[in-house]
Amino acid sequence: MAESTSAAPTSWHVSIRRGRPKEIDRVTVDKIYLIGFMAAGKTTVGQQLAHRLGWRFEDIDDLIERRERATIAEIFSRHGEPYFRQAEREILQLLVPIRHVVFATGGGTFADDKNRAIINRDGASVWLDVPLQDIVDRLPIHAQRPLVTERSALEQLYRARADSYRQAHVRIAAGQLPPPAVVDRIAEAVN
């Protein structure tokens, strides 16, 4: 898709799965949620995709941190994961009326049933599918990720979340691709 040159925001028409996998609906996509495991490149790709479309970009984790005035790690430490997921859901509800935006979600956002329902009703969910070994290679040794403590726990979390990611409207194999190529594939998939 060519870069938008007009002042009016671009909307895409796309066939995406709704409900059972065999059902196809034609919808206008005016919001994209990038989903996937931590370090999948959602923020980097999201910024580039939004620029290409002439849309806004927002990172859900950043919005939560601003609202809570604490880092994600601090929120997990002080209040636990259920509190964090509730804060995430509240942010998602607030974002529903906003159009022409690309969102980078947290790695666990789409794994939550209620969050996944909000996202899949509100826009196109695009899974940046990155193999676990690529994820491990991208994570710094001192990574301050609340749910990552050791390799076996990371593998278990990856497998558990992959099951929910498969419910996204679009899957992009993004492992060894540079961000501009991932943006191109998303554009091809939803155009």
N, C-alpha and C. Protein backbone atom coordinates (compact mmCIF):
# COMPACT_ATOMS: atom_id res chain seq x y z
N MET A 1 0.85 -1.17 0.00
CA MET A 1 0.00 0.00 0.00
C MET A 1 0.89 1.23 0.00
N ALA A 2 0.59 2.18 -0.82
CA ALA A 2 1.39 3.39 -0.89
C ALA A 2 1.15 4.27 0.32
N GLU A 3 2.13 5.06 0.61
CA GLU A 3 2.02 5.96 1.75
C GLU A 3 0.91 6.97 1.47
N SER A 4 0.14 7.28 2.47
CA SER A 4 -0.96 8.22 2.33
C SER A 4 -0.40 9.63 2.16
N THR A 5 -0.86 10.33 1.14
CA THR A 5 -0.39 11.69 0.92
C THR A 5 -1.45 12.72 1.25
N SER A 6 -2.68 12.28 1.42
CA SER A 6 -3.74 13.23 1.76
C SER A 6 -3.81 13.42 3.27
N ALA A 7 -4.50 14.46 3.66
CA ALA A 7 -4.65 14.73 5.09
C ALA A 7 -5.63 13.76 5.74
N ALA A 8 -6.53 13.18 4.95
CA ALA A 8 -7.50 12.24 5.50
C ALA A 8 -6.83 10.92 5.83
N PRO A 9 -7.15 10.34 6.99
CA PRO A 9 -6.56 9.06 7.36
C PRO A 9 -6.96 7.96 6.39
N THR A 10 -6.08 7.01 6.23
CA THR A 10 -6.32 5.87 5.36
C THR A 10 -7.11 4.81 6.11
N SER A 11 -8.04 4.16 5.42
CA SER A 11 -8.71 2.98 5.95
C SER A 11 -8.44 1.84 4.99
N TRP A 12 -8.24 0.67 5.52
CA TRP A 12 -7.99 -0.50 4.68
C TRP A 12 -9.20 -1.38 4.68
N HIS A 13 -9.42 -2.05 3.58
CA HIS A 13 -10.46 -3.08 3.50
C HIS A 13 -9.74 -4.41 3.58
N VAL A 14 -10.24 -5.28 4.42
CA VAL A 14 -9.57 -6.55 4.63
C VAL A 14 -10.58 -7.63 4.96
N SER A 15 -10.28 -8.83 4.53
CA SER A 15 -11.07 -9.98 4.95
C SER A 15 -10.37 -10.55 6.17
N ILE A 16 -11.06 -10.57 7.28
CA ILE A 16 -10.47 -11.12 8.50
C ILE A 16 -11.43 -12.13 9.10
N ARG A 17 -10.84 -13.03 9.90
CA ARG A 17 -11.65 -14.06 10.53
C ARG A 17 -12.42 -13.47 11.71
N ARG A 18 -13.67 -13.79 11.79
CA ARG A 18 -14.50 -13.45 12.94
C ARG A 18 -15.16 -14.75 13.39
N GLY A 19 -15.16 -14.99 14.66
CA GLY A 19 -15.78 -16.22 15.15
C GLY A 19 -14.99 -17.44 14.73
N ARG A 20 -15.65 -18.41 14.15
CA ARG A 20 -14.97 -19.63 13.69
C ARG A 20 -14.03 -19.29 12.54
N PRO A 21 -12.91 -20.00 12.43
CA PRO A 21 -11.91 -19.70 11.41
C PRO A 21 -12.42 -19.69 9.97
N LYS A 22 -13.48 -20.43 9.65
CA LYS A 22 -13.93 -20.50 8.26
C LYS A 22 -14.83 -19.32 7.88
N GLU A 23 -15.25 -18.51 8.84
CA GLU A 23 -16.12 -17.38 8.54
C GLU A 23 -15.28 -16.19 8.09
N ILE A 24 -15.69 -15.55 7.01
CA ILE A 24 -14.97 -14.39 6.49
C ILE A 24 -15.95 -13.23 6.40
N ASP A 25 -15.56 -12.12 6.95
CA ASP A 25 -16.34 -10.89 6.84
C ASP A 25 -15.48 -9.84 6.17
N ARG A 26 -16.10 -8.97 5.40
CA ARG A 26 -15.40 -7.85 4.79
C ARG A 26 -15.61 -6.65 5.71
N VAL A 27 -14.53 -6.08 6.19
CA VAL A 27 -14.64 -4.95 7.10
C VAL A 27 -13.67 -3.87 6.68
N THR A 28 -13.89 -2.68 7.19
CA THR A 28 -12.95 -1.59 7.00
C THR A 28 -12.04 -1.56 8.21
N VAL A 29 -10.74 -1.64 7.97
CA VAL A 29 -9.78 -1.61 9.05
C VAL A 29 -9.30 -0.18 9.22
N ASP A 30 -9.61 0.38 10.38
CA ASP A 30 -9.12 1.72 10.68
C ASP A 30 -8.40 1.73 12.03
N LYS A 31 -8.03 0.52 12.47
CA LYS A 31 -7.26 0.37 13.70
C LYS A 31 -6.57 -0.98 13.65
N ILE A 32 -5.29 -1.00 14.01
CA ILE A 32 -4.51 -2.23 14.00
C ILE A 32 -3.86 -2.42 15.36
N TYR A 33 -4.02 -3.61 15.90
CA TYR A 33 -3.37 -4.01 17.14
C TYR A 33 -2.29 -5.02 16.80
N LEU A 34 -1.04 -4.70 17.12
CA LEU A 34 0.05 -5.64 16.93
C LEU A 34 0.18 -6.48 18.19
N ILE A 35 0.15 -7.78 18.02
CA ILE A 35 0.25 -8.68 19.16
C ILE A 35 1.43 -9.62 18.95
N GLY A 36 1.88 -10.21 20.02
CA GLY A 36 2.97 -11.16 19.94
C GLY A 36 3.75 -11.17 21.23
N PHE A 37 4.70 -12.07 21.30
CA PHE A 37 5.50 -12.26 22.50
C PHE A 37 6.41 -11.06 22.73
N MET A 38 6.91 -10.92 23.94
CA MET A 38 7.86 -9.86 24.24
C MET A 38 9.03 -9.94 23.27
N ALA A 39 9.56 -8.81 22.90
CA ALA A 39 10.71 -8.68 21.99
C ALA A 39 10.39 -9.14 20.57
N ALA A 40 9.11 -9.21 20.21
CA ALA A 40 8.73 -9.58 18.84
C ALA A 40 8.88 -8.42 17.87
N GLY A 41 9.05 -7.21 18.39
CA GLY A 41 9.22 -6.04 17.53
C GLY A 41 7.96 -5.21 17.35
N LYS A 42 6.99 -5.39 18.23
CA LYS A 42 5.70 -4.71 18.07
C LYS A 42 5.84 -3.19 18.09
N THR A 43 6.66 -2.66 18.97
CA THR A 43 6.81 -1.20 19.05
C THR A 43 7.52 -0.66 17.82
N THR A 44 8.63 -1.27 17.45
CA THR A 44 9.39 -0.80 16.29
C THR A 44 8.56 -0.89 15.02
N VAL A 45 7.94 -2.03 14.79
CA VAL A 45 7.11 -2.22 13.61
C VAL A 45 5.90 -1.29 13.66
N GLY A 46 5.30 -1.16 14.84
CA GLY A 46 4.13 -0.30 14.98
C GLY A 46 4.42 1.15 14.64
N GLN A 47 5.55 1.67 15.09
CA GLN A 47 5.92 3.04 14.78
C GLN A 47 6.09 3.23 13.28
N GLN A 48 6.75 2.27 12.63
CA GLN A 48 6.98 2.38 11.19
C GLN A 48 5.69 2.21 10.40
N LEU A 49 4.83 1.29 10.83
CA LEU A 49 3.56 1.09 10.15
C LEU A 49 2.67 2.33 10.29
N ALA A 50 2.61 2.89 11.47
CA ALA A 50 1.80 4.10 11.68
C ALA A 50 2.31 5.25 10.81
N HIS A 51 3.62 5.39 10.73
CA HIS A 51 4.20 6.45 9.89
C HIS A 51 3.81 6.24 8.43
N ARG A 52 3.90 5.02 7.98
CA ARG A 52 3.56 4.70 6.59
C ARG A 52 2.10 5.03 6.28
N LEU A 53 1.22 4.75 7.25
CA LEU A 53 -0.21 4.98 7.05
C LEU A 53 -0.64 6.43 7.30
N GLY A 54 0.22 7.18 7.97
CA GLY A 54 -0.20 8.52 8.39
C GLY A 54 -1.13 8.46 9.59
N TRP A 55 -1.04 7.40 10.36
CA TRP A 55 -1.85 7.20 11.55
C TRP A 55 -1.04 7.51 12.79
N ARG A 56 -1.70 7.49 13.93
CA ARG A 56 -1.05 7.61 15.24
C ARG A 56 -0.50 6.27 15.66
N PHE A 57 0.51 6.29 16.51
CA PHE A 57 1.02 5.09 17.12
C PHE A 57 0.93 5.23 18.63
N GLU A 58 0.52 4.16 19.30
CA GLU A 58 0.50 4.13 20.76
C GLU A 58 0.96 2.77 21.25
N ASP A 59 1.67 2.77 22.35
CA ASP A 59 2.11 1.54 23.00
C ASP A 59 1.27 1.38 24.26
N ILE A 60 0.53 0.28 24.35
CA ILE A 60 -0.38 0.07 25.49
C ILE A 60 0.38 0.06 26.81
N ASP A 61 1.55 -0.59 26.85
CA ASP A 61 2.33 -0.61 28.10
C ASP A 61 2.72 0.80 28.52
N ASP A 62 3.09 1.64 27.56
CA ASP A 62 3.44 3.03 27.89
C ASP A 62 2.24 3.78 28.47
N LEU A 63 1.06 3.54 27.90
CA LEU A 63 -0.15 4.19 28.41
C LEU A 63 -0.45 3.75 29.84
N ILE A 64 -0.25 2.47 30.11
CA ILE A 64 -0.47 1.96 31.47
C ILE A 64 0.54 2.58 32.43
N GLU A 65 1.80 2.62 32.03
CA GLU A 65 2.83 3.21 32.90
C GLU A 65 2.53 4.67 33.20
N ARG A 66 2.09 5.40 32.21
CA ARG A 66 1.74 6.82 32.46
C ARG A 66 0.57 6.95 33.42
N ARG A 67 -0.45 6.14 33.20
CA ARG A 67 -1.63 6.20 34.07
C ARG A 67 -1.29 5.81 35.50
N GLU A 68 -0.51 4.75 35.65
CA GLU A 68 -0.18 4.23 36.98
C GLU A 68 1.02 4.94 37.63
N ARG A 69 1.72 5.73 36.83
CA ARG A 69 2.94 6.42 37.30
C ARG A 69 3.93 5.43 37.93
N ALA A 70 4.10 4.31 37.21
CA ALA A 70 5.02 3.25 37.64
C ALA A 70 5.38 2.42 36.42
N THR A 71 6.52 1.76 36.48
CA THR A 71 6.90 0.87 35.39
C THR A 71 6.07 -0.40 35.46
N ILE A 72 6.07 -1.15 34.36
CA ILE A 72 5.34 -2.43 34.34
C ILE A 72 5.89 -3.33 35.44
N ALA A 73 7.21 -3.41 35.58
CA ALA A 73 7.81 -4.25 36.62
C ALA A 73 7.35 -3.83 38.01
N GLU A 74 7.26 -2.52 38.26
CA GLU A 74 6.81 -2.03 39.56
C GLU A 74 5.34 -2.38 39.80
N ILE A 75 4.52 -2.27 38.75
CA ILE A 75 3.09 -2.59 38.88
C ILE A 75 2.94 -4.07 39.24
N PHE A 76 3.66 -4.94 38.54
CA PHE A 76 3.61 -6.38 38.84
C PHE A 76 4.07 -6.64 40.27
N SER A 77 5.15 -6.00 40.66
CA SER A 77 5.72 -6.23 41.99
C SER A 77 4.79 -5.76 43.10
N ARG A 78 4.20 -4.59 42.93
CA ARG A 78 3.35 -4.01 43.97
C ARG A 78 1.95 -4.61 44.02
N HIS A 79 1.38 -4.89 42.83
CA HIS A 79 -0.04 -5.24 42.77
C HIS A 79 -0.34 -6.61 42.18
N GLY A 80 0.61 -7.20 41.45
CA GLY A 80 0.40 -8.51 40.85
C GLY A 80 -0.17 -8.44 39.45
N GLU A 81 -0.16 -9.60 38.80
CA GLU A 81 -0.63 -9.67 37.41
C GLU A 81 -2.12 -9.39 37.25
N PRO A 82 -3.01 -9.90 38.14
CA PRO A 82 -4.45 -9.61 37.94
C PRO A 82 -4.74 -8.10 37.91
N TYR A 83 -4.09 -7.35 38.79
CA TYR A 83 -4.27 -5.89 38.81
C TYR A 83 -3.81 -5.29 37.48
N PHE A 84 -2.64 -5.76 37.01
CA PHE A 84 -2.10 -5.24 35.76
C PHE A 84 -3.06 -5.53 34.60
N ARG A 85 -3.58 -6.75 34.52
CA ARG A 85 -4.49 -7.12 33.43
C ARG A 85 -5.77 -6.29 33.48
N GLN A 86 -6.23 -5.97 34.68
CA GLN A 86 -7.41 -5.11 34.80
C GLN A 86 -7.10 -3.69 34.30
N ALA A 87 -5.94 -3.18 34.66
CA ALA A 87 -5.53 -1.85 34.17
C ALA A 87 -5.42 -1.86 32.65
N GLU A 88 -4.88 -2.93 32.10
CA GLU A 88 -4.76 -3.10 30.66
C GLU A 88 -6.14 -3.07 29.99
N ARG A 89 -7.09 -3.80 30.58
CA ARG A 89 -8.45 -3.86 30.05
C ARG A 89 -9.11 -2.48 30.09
N GLU A 90 -8.91 -1.75 31.17
CA GLU A 90 -9.48 -0.41 31.27
C GLU A 90 -8.92 0.51 30.20
N ILE A 91 -7.63 0.42 29.94
CA ILE A 91 -7.01 1.22 28.88
C ILE A 91 -7.60 0.84 27.53
N LEU A 92 -7.71 -0.45 27.26
CA LEU A 92 -8.28 -0.90 25.99
C LEU A 92 -9.70 -0.35 25.80
N GLN A 93 -10.51 -0.37 26.85
CA GLN A 93 -11.88 0.17 26.75
C GLN A 93 -11.87 1.66 26.41
N LEU A 94 -10.93 2.38 27.01
CA LEU A 94 -10.83 3.82 26.72
C LEU A 94 -10.43 4.09 25.27
N LEU A 95 -9.71 3.15 24.67
CA LEU A 95 -9.18 3.35 23.32
C LEU A 95 -10.16 2.98 22.21
N VAL A 96 -11.25 2.32 22.56
CA VAL A 96 -12.20 1.85 21.54
C VAL A 96 -12.66 2.97 20.61
N PRO A 97 -13.02 4.15 21.08
CA PRO A 97 -13.51 5.17 20.15
C PRO A 97 -12.44 5.75 19.22
N ILE A 98 -11.19 5.57 19.53
CA ILE A 98 -10.11 6.18 18.75
C ILE A 98 -9.88 5.37 17.48
N ARG A 99 -9.80 6.03 16.34
CA ARG A 99 -9.61 5.36 15.05
C ARG A 99 -8.30 5.83 14.42
N HIS A 100 -7.89 5.15 13.37
CA HIS A 100 -6.67 5.47 12.61
C HIS A 100 -5.45 5.50 13.51
N VAL A 101 -5.25 4.37 14.18
CA VAL A 101 -4.14 4.23 15.11
C VAL A 101 -3.62 2.80 15.05
N VAL A 102 -2.32 2.67 15.24
CA VAL A 102 -1.67 1.37 15.37
C VAL A 102 -1.24 1.25 16.82
N PHE A 103 -1.63 0.14 17.46
CA PHE A 103 -1.27 -0.11 18.85
C PHE A 103 -0.30 -1.27 18.96
N ALA A 104 0.74 -1.08 19.76
CA ALA A 104 1.60 -2.19 20.18
C ALA A 104 1.06 -2.64 21.52
N THR A 105 0.73 -3.91 21.62
CA THR A 105 0.22 -4.44 22.88
C THR A 105 1.35 -5.08 23.66
N GLY A 106 1.11 -5.32 24.93
CA GLY A 106 2.06 -6.08 25.73
C GLY A 106 2.01 -7.54 25.34
N GLY A 107 3.04 -8.30 25.68
CA GLY A 107 3.11 -9.70 25.30
C GLY A 107 1.97 -10.55 25.81
N GLY A 108 1.38 -10.18 26.95
CA GLY A 108 0.29 -10.96 27.52
C GLY A 108 -1.08 -10.39 27.29
N THR A 109 -1.16 -9.24 26.65
CA THR A 109 -2.46 -8.57 26.46
C THR A 109 -3.46 -9.49 25.77
N PHE A 110 -3.05 -10.08 24.65
CA PHE A 110 -3.95 -10.88 23.83
C PHE A 110 -4.21 -12.25 24.44
N ALA A 111 -3.40 -12.65 25.41
CA ALA A 111 -3.59 -13.94 26.08
C ALA A 111 -4.78 -13.89 27.04
N ASP A 112 -5.16 -12.70 27.45
CA ASP A 112 -6.31 -12.52 28.34
C ASP A 112 -7.59 -12.56 27.49
N ASP A 113 -8.51 -13.46 27.82
CA ASP A 113 -9.73 -13.64 27.02
C ASP A 113 -10.51 -12.35 26.81
N LYS A 114 -10.69 -11.58 27.88
CA LYS A 114 -11.48 -10.34 27.78
C LYS A 114 -10.77 -9.31 26.91
N ASN A 115 -9.46 -9.19 27.08
CA ASN A 115 -8.70 -8.25 26.25
C ASN A 115 -8.75 -8.66 24.78
N ARG A 116 -8.60 -9.96 24.53
CA ARG A 116 -8.63 -10.47 23.16
C ARG A 116 -9.97 -10.17 22.50
N ALA A 117 -11.06 -10.33 23.24
CA ALA A 117 -12.39 -10.03 22.69
C ALA A 117 -12.52 -8.56 22.33
N ILE A 118 -12.04 -7.68 23.20
CA ILE A 118 -12.09 -6.24 22.91
C ILE A 118 -11.31 -5.94 21.64
N ILE A 119 -10.09 -6.45 21.56
CA ILE A 119 -9.22 -6.17 20.42
C ILE A 119 -9.82 -6.70 19.12
N ASN A 120 -10.28 -7.94 19.13
CA ASN A 120 -10.79 -8.53 17.89
C ASN A 120 -12.11 -7.93 17.43
N ARG A 121 -12.86 -7.32 18.32
CA ARG A 121 -14.07 -6.59 17.92
C ARG A 121 -13.74 -5.20 17.41
N ASP A 122 -12.67 -4.61 17.93
CA ASP A 122 -12.39 -3.20 17.69
C ASP A 122 -11.52 -2.92 16.47
N GLY A 123 -10.69 -3.85 16.07
CA GLY A 123 -9.78 -3.59 14.94
C GLY A 123 -9.21 -4.90 14.43
N ALA A 124 -8.18 -4.78 13.63
CA ALA A 124 -7.49 -5.96 13.11
C ALA A 124 -6.36 -6.33 14.05
N SER A 125 -6.34 -7.58 14.49
CA SER A 125 -5.23 -8.07 15.31
C SER A 125 -4.22 -8.73 14.40
N VAL A 126 -2.96 -8.31 14.53
CA VAL A 126 -1.89 -8.82 13.69
C VAL A 126 -0.82 -9.42 14.59
N TRP A 127 -0.63 -10.73 14.46
CA TRP A 127 0.35 -11.46 15.28
C TRP A 127 1.71 -11.41 14.60
N LEU A 128 2.68 -10.82 15.28
CA LEU A 128 4.06 -10.87 14.83
C LEU A 128 4.65 -12.15 15.42
N ASP A 129 4.68 -13.19 14.62
CA ASP A 129 5.10 -14.52 15.05
C ASP A 129 6.62 -14.63 14.92
N VAL A 130 7.29 -14.66 16.05
CA VAL A 130 8.74 -14.74 16.10
C VAL A 130 9.11 -16.01 16.88
N PRO A 131 9.96 -16.87 16.32
CA PRO A 131 10.35 -18.10 17.03
C PRO A 131 11.01 -17.79 18.37
N LEU A 132 10.85 -18.72 19.31
CA LEU A 132 11.37 -18.51 20.66
C LEU A 132 12.87 -18.23 20.67
N GLN A 133 13.66 -18.93 19.87
CA GLN A 133 15.10 -18.69 19.89
C GLN A 133 15.43 -17.27 19.46
N ASP A 134 14.69 -16.73 18.51
CA ASP A 134 14.90 -15.33 18.11
C ASP A 134 14.55 -14.39 19.26
N ILE A 135 13.48 -14.72 19.99
CA ILE A 135 13.10 -13.92 21.17
C ILE A 135 14.23 -13.93 22.18
N VAL A 136 14.75 -15.11 22.49
CA VAL A 136 15.84 -15.24 23.47
C VAL A 136 17.04 -14.41 23.02
N ASP A 137 17.36 -14.48 21.73
CA ASP A 137 18.50 -13.71 21.21
C ASP A 137 18.29 -12.21 21.32
N ARG A 138 17.04 -11.77 21.27
CA ARG A 138 16.75 -10.33 21.33
C ARG A 138 16.69 -9.79 22.75
N LEU A 139 16.39 -10.65 23.72
CA LEU A 139 16.26 -10.19 25.10
C LEU A 139 17.64 -9.95 25.71
N PRO A 140 17.85 -8.78 26.31
CA PRO A 140 19.12 -8.56 26.99
C PRO A 140 19.25 -9.50 28.20
N ILE A 141 20.46 -9.84 28.54
CA ILE A 141 20.71 -10.76 29.66
C ILE A 141 20.08 -10.23 30.94
N HIS A 142 20.08 -8.94 31.13
CA HIS A 142 19.54 -8.33 32.35
C HIS A 142 18.09 -7.88 32.17
N ALA A 143 17.37 -8.48 31.22
CA ALA A 143 16.00 -8.07 30.91
C ALA A 143 15.14 -7.95 32.17
N GLN A 144 14.49 -6.84 32.29
CA GLN A 144 13.60 -6.58 33.42
C GLN A 144 12.16 -6.88 33.02
N ARG A 145 11.90 -8.10 32.63
CA ARG A 145 10.56 -8.53 32.24
C ARG A 145 9.92 -9.24 33.41
N PRO A 146 8.77 -8.78 33.88
CA PRO A 146 8.18 -9.35 35.11
C PRO A 146 7.92 -10.85 35.07
N LEU A 147 7.59 -11.41 33.93
CA LEU A 147 7.21 -12.82 33.89
C LEU A 147 8.32 -13.73 33.37
N VAL A 148 9.54 -13.20 33.25
CA VAL A 148 10.65 -14.01 32.75
C VAL A 148 11.70 -14.15 33.83
N THR A 149 11.91 -15.38 34.28
CA THR A 149 12.93 -15.59 35.30
C THR A 149 13.95 -16.63 34.86
N GLU A 150 13.54 -17.60 34.07
CA GLU A 150 14.47 -18.63 33.60
C GLU A 150 13.97 -19.17 32.27
N ARG A 151 14.85 -19.87 31.56
CA ARG A 151 14.54 -20.35 30.21
C ARG A 151 13.32 -21.26 30.19
N SER A 152 13.21 -22.20 31.11
CA SER A 152 12.06 -23.13 31.09
C SER A 152 10.75 -22.38 31.31
N ALA A 153 10.76 -21.38 32.17
CA ALA A 153 9.56 -20.57 32.40
C ALA A 153 9.23 -19.76 31.15
N LEU A 154 10.25 -19.25 30.49
CA LEU A 154 10.05 -18.49 29.25
C LEU A 154 9.44 -19.38 28.17
N GLU A 155 9.95 -20.60 28.03
CA GLU A 155 9.41 -21.54 27.04
C GLU A 155 7.95 -21.88 27.33
N GLN A 156 7.64 -22.11 28.59
CA GLN A 156 6.27 -22.44 28.96
C GLN A 156 5.34 -21.26 28.67
N LEU A 157 5.76 -20.07 29.02
CA LEU A 157 4.96 -18.88 28.76
C LEU A 157 4.77 -18.67 27.26
N TYR A 158 5.82 -18.87 26.50
CA TYR A 158 5.77 -18.72 25.04
C TYR A 158 4.72 -19.68 24.45
N ARG A 159 4.78 -20.95 24.85
CA ARG A 159 3.83 -21.94 24.32
C ARG A 159 2.39 -21.59 24.71
N ALA A 160 2.20 -21.18 25.95
CA ALA A 160 0.85 -20.84 26.42
C ALA A 160 0.28 -19.65 25.66
N ARG A 161 1.10 -18.65 25.45
CA ARG A 161 0.62 -17.46 24.75
C ARG A 161 0.42 -17.70 23.26
N ALA A 162 1.23 -18.56 22.67
CA ALA A 162 1.10 -18.84 21.24
C ALA A 162 -0.30 -19.38 20.92
N ASP A 163 -0.87 -20.14 21.81
CA ASP A 163 -2.23 -20.64 21.59
C ASP A 163 -3.23 -19.50 21.44
N SER A 164 -3.08 -18.47 22.25
CA SER A 164 -4.00 -17.34 22.12
C SER A 164 -3.66 -16.49 20.89
N TYR A 165 -2.37 -16.33 20.59
CA TYR A 165 -1.98 -15.53 19.42
C TYR A 165 -2.56 -16.10 18.13
N ARG A 166 -2.76 -17.40 18.09
CA ARG A 166 -3.31 -18.04 16.88
C ARG A 166 -4.74 -17.55 16.59
N GLN A 167 -5.36 -16.87 17.53
CA GLN A 167 -6.71 -16.35 17.34
C GLN A 167 -6.72 -14.95 16.74
N ALA A 168 -5.54 -14.48 16.36
CA ALA A 168 -5.45 -13.16 15.71
C ALA A 168 -6.03 -13.24 14.30
N HIS A 169 -6.41 -12.11 13.78
CA HIS A 169 -6.94 -12.04 12.42
C HIS A 169 -5.86 -12.35 11.38
N VAL A 170 -4.65 -11.88 11.62
CA VAL A 170 -3.56 -12.00 10.65
C VAL A 170 -2.32 -12.50 11.38
N ARG A 171 -1.58 -13.41 10.76
CA ARG A 171 -0.30 -13.90 11.30
C ARG A 171 0.80 -13.51 10.33
N ILE A 172 1.85 -12.88 10.85
CA ILE A 172 3.01 -12.51 10.05
C ILE A 172 4.23 -13.23 10.63
N ALA A 173 4.88 -14.06 9.83
CA ALA A 173 6.12 -14.72 10.25
C ALA A 173 7.21 -13.65 10.22
N ALA A 174 7.60 -13.18 11.40
CA ALA A 174 8.45 -12.00 11.50
C ALA A 174 9.82 -12.28 12.10
N GLY A 175 10.20 -13.54 12.22
CA GLY A 175 11.43 -13.90 12.91
C GLY A 175 12.68 -13.21 12.44
N GLN A 176 13.10 -13.46 11.21
CA GLN A 176 14.37 -12.93 10.72
C GLN A 176 14.19 -11.73 9.79
N LEU A 177 12.99 -11.21 9.70
CA LEU A 177 12.74 -10.07 8.82
C LEU A 177 13.08 -8.76 9.49
N PRO A 178 13.67 -7.82 8.75
CA PRO A 178 13.86 -6.48 9.31
C PRO A 178 12.50 -5.78 9.41
N PRO A 179 12.37 -4.82 10.32
CA PRO A 179 11.08 -4.15 10.50
C PRO A 179 10.43 -3.63 9.23
N PRO A 180 11.15 -2.98 8.29
CA PRO A 180 10.46 -2.52 7.07
C PRO A 180 9.81 -3.66 6.28
N ALA A 181 10.44 -4.83 6.26
CA ALA A 181 9.85 -5.98 5.56
C ALA A 181 8.61 -6.48 6.28
N VAL A 182 8.60 -6.42 7.61
CA VAL A 182 7.42 -6.81 8.38
C VAL A 182 6.28 -5.84 8.07
N VAL A 183 6.59 -4.55 8.02
CA VAL A 183 5.58 -3.54 7.67
C VAL A 183 5.01 -3.84 6.29
N ASP A 184 5.86 -4.17 5.33
CA ASP A 184 5.38 -4.52 3.98
C ASP A 184 4.43 -5.71 4.02
N ARG A 185 4.77 -6.72 4.81
CA ARG A 185 3.92 -7.92 4.88
C ARG A 185 2.58 -7.61 5.53
N ILE A 186 2.59 -6.75 6.54
CA ILE A 186 1.32 -6.36 7.16
C ILE A 186 0.47 -5.62 6.14
N ALA A 187 1.08 -4.70 5.41
CA ALA A 187 0.34 -3.94 4.40
C ALA A 187 -0.26 -4.86 3.35
N GLU A 188 0.51 -5.86 2.91
CA GLU A 188 -0.01 -6.82 1.94
C GLU A 188 -1.14 -7.65 2.51
N ALA A 189 -1.04 -8.00 3.79
CA ALA A 189 -2.04 -8.87 4.41
C ALA A 189 -3.37 -8.17 4.64
N VAL A 190 -3.34 -6.90 4.92
CA VAL A 190 -4.60 -6.23 5.27
C VAL A 190 -5.11 -5.31 4.15
N ASN A 191 -4.42 -5.25 3.05
CA ASN A 191 -4.87 -4.39 1.95
C ASN A 191 -5.78 -5.15 1.02
